[in-house]
Protein backbone atom coordinates (compact mmCIF):
# COMPACT_ATOMS: atom_id res chain seq x y z
CA MET A 1 16.54 -12.39 10.99
CA CYS A 2 19.40 -10.55 12.65
CA LYS A 3 18.90 -7.64 14.78
CA ALA A 4 20.11 -5.03 12.47
CA MET A 5 17.77 -6.44 9.62
CA GLU A 6 14.91 -6.49 11.92
CA ASP A 7 15.54 -2.79 12.98
CA MET A 8 15.80 -1.64 9.38
CA ARG A 9 12.50 -3.37 8.56
CA ASN A 10 10.81 -1.80 11.55
CA GLU A 11 12.08 1.65 10.40
CA SER A 12 10.91 1.00 6.92
CA LEU A 13 7.40 0.03 8.04
CA LYS A 14 7.23 3.13 10.25
CA GLU A 15 8.18 5.46 7.48
CA VAL A 16 5.46 3.80 5.17
CA ALA A 17 2.90 4.28 7.97
CA LYS A 18 3.85 8.01 8.42
CA ARG A 19 3.25 8.47 4.69
CA MET A 20 -0.12 6.82 4.95
CA LEU A 21 -0.83 9.06 7.97
CA ALA A 22 -0.10 12.14 5.92
CA ASP A 23 -2.16 10.98 3.23
CA GLY A 24 -5.20 11.02 5.60
CA MET A 25 -7.34 8.28 3.66
CA LEU A 26 -6.87 5.58 5.88
CA THR A 27 -7.92 5.06 9.61
CA ILE A 28 -5.10 4.30 12.20
CA GLU A 29 -6.57 0.77 12.43
CA LYS A 30 -6.11 0.09 8.71
CA ILE A 31 -2.66 1.69 8.76
CA ALA A 32 -1.76 -0.47 11.77
CA GLU A 33 -3.07 -3.63 9.95
CA TYR A 34 -1.41 -2.93 6.55
CA ALA A 35 2.09 -2.04 8.01
CA GLY A 36 2.02 -4.90 10.71
CA LEU A 37 2.46 -2.23 13.42
CA SER A 38 0.21 -2.09 16.69
CA ILE A 39 -2.36 0.64 16.84
CA ASP A 40 -0.38 2.37 19.67
CA GLU A 41 2.72 2.51 17.46
CA VAL A 42 0.59 4.05 14.71
CA LYS A 43 -0.88 6.58 17.36
CA ASN A 44 2.64 7.54 18.48
CA LEU A 45 3.92 8.02 14.96
CA ASP A 46 0.83 10.23 14.25
CA THR A 47 1.59 12.18 17.43
CA GLU A 48 5.39 12.59 16.40
CA ARG A 49 4.23 13.68 12.93
CA THR A 50 2.04 16.50 14.18
CA VAL A 51 4.34 17.92 16.78
């Protein structure tokens, strides 16, 4: 996959993870699993979201 497409995919996954975090129904571990992100990435998104 080309770099631009990969970047767009990653941004989309991060936006989905942010919505999951805002919903508050799933654990960080489950969000990471479903979105295909690392736990650290989801934790960082959660920190960004709450700042």
